[in-house]
Amino acid sequence: MHQRMCWLSKSDGSEEKILYLQTGPNEPWRPYTACPQYAEPDHQIQGGSKGWATFQKLLKAGWTLIPSARAKEFSPLGGVRSW
């Protein structure tokens, strides 16, 4: 099954990175919060990464982590995610 994760800057243009998920080869990257079937509640740690609990869960489940610099290579043409 096609299951990838990547830490990307939020779509609002800030430099803060959050976890994005891709569940199919022709699917765009989506914030983990847009995937409630996979998302875990965030840890209540000040300054903690958004999506860290989800990342830990999905990594244990066998999801693949894609380096942020290579995310475009795994994005379908016309995907909603832009860089």
N, C-alpha and C. Protein backbone atom coordinates (compact mmCIF):
# COMPACT_ATOMS: atom_id res chain seq x y z
N MET A 1 0.84 -1.18 0.00
CA MET A 1 0.00 0.00 0.00
C MET A 1 0.88 1.24 0.00
N HIS A 2 0.43 2.27 -0.65
CA HIS A 2 1.15 3.53 -0.80
C HIS A 2 0.86 4.43 0.39
N GLN A 3 1.84 4.61 1.27
CA GLN A 3 1.63 5.44 2.46
C GLN A 3 2.92 6.20 2.74
N ARG A 4 2.87 7.51 2.54
CA ARG A 4 4.05 8.35 2.73
C ARG A 4 3.75 9.51 3.65
N MET A 5 4.80 9.96 4.35
CA MET A 5 4.70 11.12 5.24
C MET A 5 5.84 12.07 4.90
N CYS A 6 5.64 13.34 5.19
CA CYS A 6 6.66 14.35 4.94
C CYS A 6 6.40 15.54 5.85
N TRP A 7 7.47 16.16 6.33
CA TRP A 7 7.34 17.39 7.11
C TRP A 7 7.47 18.56 6.15
N LEU A 8 6.40 19.34 6.02
CA LEU A 8 6.37 20.47 5.09
C LEU A 8 5.91 21.74 5.81
N SER A 9 6.27 22.87 5.24
CA SER A 9 5.81 24.15 5.79
C SER A 9 4.31 24.24 5.65
N LYS A 10 3.70 24.89 6.62
CA LYS A 10 2.25 25.07 6.58
C LYS A 10 1.87 25.86 5.33
N SER A 11 0.68 25.61 4.82
CA SER A 11 0.24 26.27 3.60
C SER A 11 0.01 27.76 3.77
N ASP A 12 0.06 28.27 5.00
CA ASP A 12 -0.14 29.71 5.22
C ASP A 12 1.15 30.51 5.00
N GLY A 13 2.21 29.83 4.57
CA GLY A 13 3.46 30.51 4.27
C GLY A 13 4.42 30.62 5.43
N SER A 14 4.01 30.19 6.61
CA SER A 14 4.92 30.27 7.76
C SER A 14 6.03 29.23 7.61
N GLU A 15 7.07 29.36 8.40
CA GLU A 15 8.18 28.42 8.33
C GLU A 15 7.95 27.20 9.22
N GLU A 16 6.92 27.24 10.03
CA GLU A 16 6.60 26.09 10.88
C GLU A 16 6.24 24.89 10.01
N LYS A 17 6.82 23.75 10.32
CA LYS A 17 6.52 22.54 9.54
C LYS A 17 5.54 21.66 10.31
N ILE A 18 4.65 21.05 9.54
CA ILE A 18 3.72 20.09 10.11
C ILE A 18 3.76 18.83 9.26
N LEU A 19 3.18 17.78 9.76
CA LEU A 19 3.18 16.50 9.06
C LEU A 19 2.14 16.50 7.95
N TYR A 20 2.57 16.11 6.77
CA TYR A 20 1.67 15.92 5.62
C TYR A 20 1.67 14.45 5.26
N LEU A 21 0.54 13.97 4.74
CA LEU A 21 0.38 12.57 4.39
C LEU A 21 -0.01 12.44 2.92
N GLN A 22 0.40 11.33 2.33
CA GLN A 22 0.01 10.98 0.97
C GLN A 22 -0.40 9.51 1.00
N THR A 23 -1.64 9.24 0.65
CA THR A 23 -2.17 7.88 0.79
C THR A 23 -2.28 7.11 -0.52
N GLY A 24 -1.98 7.76 -1.63
CA GLY A 24 -2.02 7.09 -2.92
C GLY A 24 -1.08 7.76 -3.89
N PRO A 25 -0.63 7.03 -4.93
CA PRO A 25 0.36 7.58 -5.86
C PRO A 25 -0.14 8.80 -6.64
N ASN A 26 -1.43 8.94 -6.80
CA ASN A 26 -1.98 10.08 -7.53
C ASN A 26 -2.69 11.07 -6.60
N GLU A 27 -2.42 10.95 -5.33
CA GLU A 27 -3.04 11.82 -4.33
C GLU A 27 -2.08 12.95 -3.96
N PRO A 28 -2.62 14.13 -3.67
CA PRO A 28 -1.76 15.24 -3.23
C PRO A 28 -1.34 15.04 -1.77
N TRP A 29 -0.32 15.79 -1.36
CA TRP A 29 0.05 15.84 0.05
C TRP A 29 -1.05 16.59 0.78
N ARG A 30 -1.50 16.05 1.92
CA ARG A 30 -2.53 16.72 2.72
C ARG A 30 -2.04 16.80 4.17
N PRO A 31 -2.39 17.89 4.87
CA PRO A 31 -2.01 17.97 6.29
C PRO A 31 -2.62 16.79 7.05
N TYR A 32 -1.92 16.32 8.04
CA TYR A 32 -2.41 15.18 8.82
C TYR A 32 -3.78 15.46 9.42
N THR A 33 -4.09 16.72 9.69
CA THR A 33 -5.39 17.07 10.27
C THR A 33 -6.54 16.86 9.29
N ALA A 34 -6.22 16.77 7.99
CA ALA A 34 -7.23 16.52 6.97
C ALA A 34 -7.46 15.02 6.76
N CYS A 35 -6.78 14.22 7.56
CA CYS A 35 -6.89 12.76 7.45
C CYS A 35 -7.24 12.18 8.82
N PRO A 36 -8.47 12.41 9.29
CA PRO A 36 -8.82 11.99 10.65
C PRO A 36 -8.71 10.49 10.89
N GLN A 37 -8.77 9.70 9.84
CA GLN A 37 -8.65 8.25 10.01
C GLN A 37 -7.23 7.84 10.43
N TYR A 38 -6.25 8.73 10.24
CA TYR A 38 -4.85 8.44 10.61
C TYR A 38 -4.35 9.30 11.76
N ALA A 39 -4.94 10.48 11.94
CA ALA A 39 -4.42 11.46 12.89
C ALA A 39 -4.61 11.03 14.34
N GLU A 40 -3.61 11.34 15.12
CA GLU A 40 -3.64 11.16 16.57
C GLU A 40 -3.66 12.56 17.20
N PRO A 41 -4.25 12.70 18.38
CA PRO A 41 -4.20 14.01 19.04
C PRO A 41 -2.75 14.43 19.31
N ASP A 42 -2.47 15.71 19.12
CA ASP A 42 -1.12 16.21 19.36
C ASP A 42 -0.78 16.17 20.83
N HIS A 43 0.50 15.95 21.12
CA HIS A 43 0.98 16.03 22.50
C HIS A 43 0.86 17.48 22.96
N GLN A 44 0.54 17.68 24.19
CA GLN A 44 0.37 19.03 24.73
C GLN A 44 1.70 19.53 25.28
N ILE A 45 2.68 19.66 24.40
CA ILE A 45 4.01 20.15 24.76
C ILE A 45 4.23 21.48 24.05
N GLN A 46 4.51 22.52 24.80
CA GLN A 46 4.73 23.82 24.19
C GLN A 46 5.91 23.75 23.23
N GLY A 47 5.70 24.21 22.00
CA GLY A 47 6.76 24.19 21.00
C GLY A 47 6.92 22.85 20.30
N GLY A 48 6.06 21.89 20.64
CA GLY A 48 6.14 20.57 20.02
C GLY A 48 5.69 20.61 18.56
N SER A 49 6.18 19.66 17.78
CA SER A 49 5.84 19.60 16.36
C SER A 49 4.40 19.15 16.17
N LYS A 50 3.71 19.84 15.28
CA LYS A 50 2.32 19.49 14.96
C LYS A 50 2.34 18.21 14.12
N GLY A 51 1.77 17.17 14.66
CA GLY A 51 1.72 15.90 13.96
C GLY A 51 2.69 14.85 14.50
N TRP A 52 3.43 15.19 15.55
CA TRP A 52 4.44 14.26 16.07
C TRP A 52 3.81 12.95 16.55
N ALA A 53 2.70 13.00 17.23
CA ALA A 53 2.05 11.76 17.70
C ALA A 53 1.57 10.93 16.51
N THR A 54 1.06 11.59 15.49
CA THR A 54 0.62 10.88 14.28
C THR A 54 1.83 10.27 13.58
N PHE A 55 2.92 11.02 13.48
CA PHE A 55 4.16 10.52 12.88
C PHE A 55 4.63 9.25 13.58
N GLN A 56 4.67 9.26 14.90
CA GLN A 56 5.14 8.10 15.65
C GLN A 56 4.26 6.88 15.37
N LYS A 57 2.95 7.08 15.35
CA LYS A 57 2.01 5.99 15.10
C LYS A 57 2.20 5.41 13.69
N LEU A 58 2.27 6.30 12.70
CA LEU A 58 2.36 5.83 11.32
C LEU A 58 3.73 5.23 10.99
N LEU A 59 4.77 5.73 11.60
CA LEU A 59 6.10 5.15 11.40
C LEU A 59 6.11 3.70 11.89
N LYS A 60 5.53 3.47 13.06
CA LYS A 60 5.43 2.11 13.60
C LYS A 60 4.58 1.21 12.70
N ALA A 61 3.62 1.81 11.99
CA ALA A 61 2.72 1.05 11.11
C ALA A 61 3.34 0.81 9.73
N GLY A 62 4.57 1.29 9.51
CA GLY A 62 5.25 1.01 8.26
C GLY A 62 5.18 2.08 7.19
N TRP A 63 4.69 3.27 7.53
CA TRP A 63 4.65 4.35 6.55
C TRP A 63 6.08 4.80 6.23
N THR A 64 6.27 5.35 5.03
CA THR A 64 7.58 5.80 4.58
C THR A 64 7.71 7.31 4.79
N LEU A 65 8.84 7.74 5.36
CA LEU A 65 9.12 9.16 5.54
C LEU A 65 9.91 9.65 4.33
N ILE A 66 9.40 10.67 3.67
CA ILE A 66 10.04 11.28 2.52
C ILE A 66 10.73 12.57 2.97
N PRO A 67 12.00 12.78 2.61
CA PRO A 67 12.66 14.04 2.96
C PRO A 67 11.90 15.23 2.37
N SER A 68 11.80 16.30 3.12
CA SER A 68 11.07 17.50 2.67
C SER A 68 11.56 17.99 1.32
N ALA A 69 12.87 17.94 1.09
CA ALA A 69 13.44 18.43 -0.16
C ALA A 69 13.01 17.61 -1.37
N ARG A 70 12.52 16.41 -1.14
CA ARG A 70 12.11 15.54 -2.24
C ARG A 70 10.60 15.42 -2.39
N ALA A 71 9.84 16.16 -1.61
CA ALA A 71 8.38 16.02 -1.61
C ALA A 71 7.77 16.28 -2.99
N LYS A 72 8.30 17.26 -3.73
CA LYS A 72 7.76 17.56 -5.06
C LYS A 72 7.84 16.36 -5.99
N GLU A 73 8.87 15.55 -5.84
CA GLU A 73 9.03 14.37 -6.69
C GLU A 73 7.86 13.40 -6.51
N PHE A 74 7.24 13.43 -5.38
CA PHE A 74 6.17 12.50 -5.05
C PHE A 74 4.79 13.16 -5.10
N SER A 75 4.71 14.33 -5.68
CA SER A 75 3.44 15.05 -5.77
C SER A 75 2.89 14.94 -7.18
N PRO A 76 1.62 14.60 -7.33
CA PRO A 76 1.04 14.51 -8.67
C PRO A 76 0.92 15.88 -9.31
N LEU A 77 0.94 15.93 -10.62
CA LEU A 77 0.74 17.20 -11.32
C LEU A 77 -0.63 17.75 -10.97
N GLY A 78 -0.68 19.03 -10.73
CA GLY A 78 -1.95 19.66 -10.41
C GLY A 78 -2.42 19.43 -8.98
N GLY A 79 -1.54 18.89 -8.12
CA GLY A 79 -1.91 18.68 -6.73
C GLY A 79 -2.18 19.99 -6.03
N VAL A 80 -2.97 19.95 -4.96
CA VAL A 80 -3.33 21.18 -4.25
C VAL A 80 -2.18 21.74 -3.44
N ARG A 81 -1.20 20.93 -3.14
CA ARG A 81 -0.06 21.40 -2.34
C ARG A 81 0.89 22.17 -3.22
N SER A 82 1.28 23.35 -2.80
CA SER A 82 2.25 24.13 -3.57
C SER A 82 3.43 24.50 -2.70
N TRP A 83 4.56 24.72 -3.32
CA TRP A 83 5.77 25.11 -2.59
C TRP A 83 6.28 26.43 -3.08
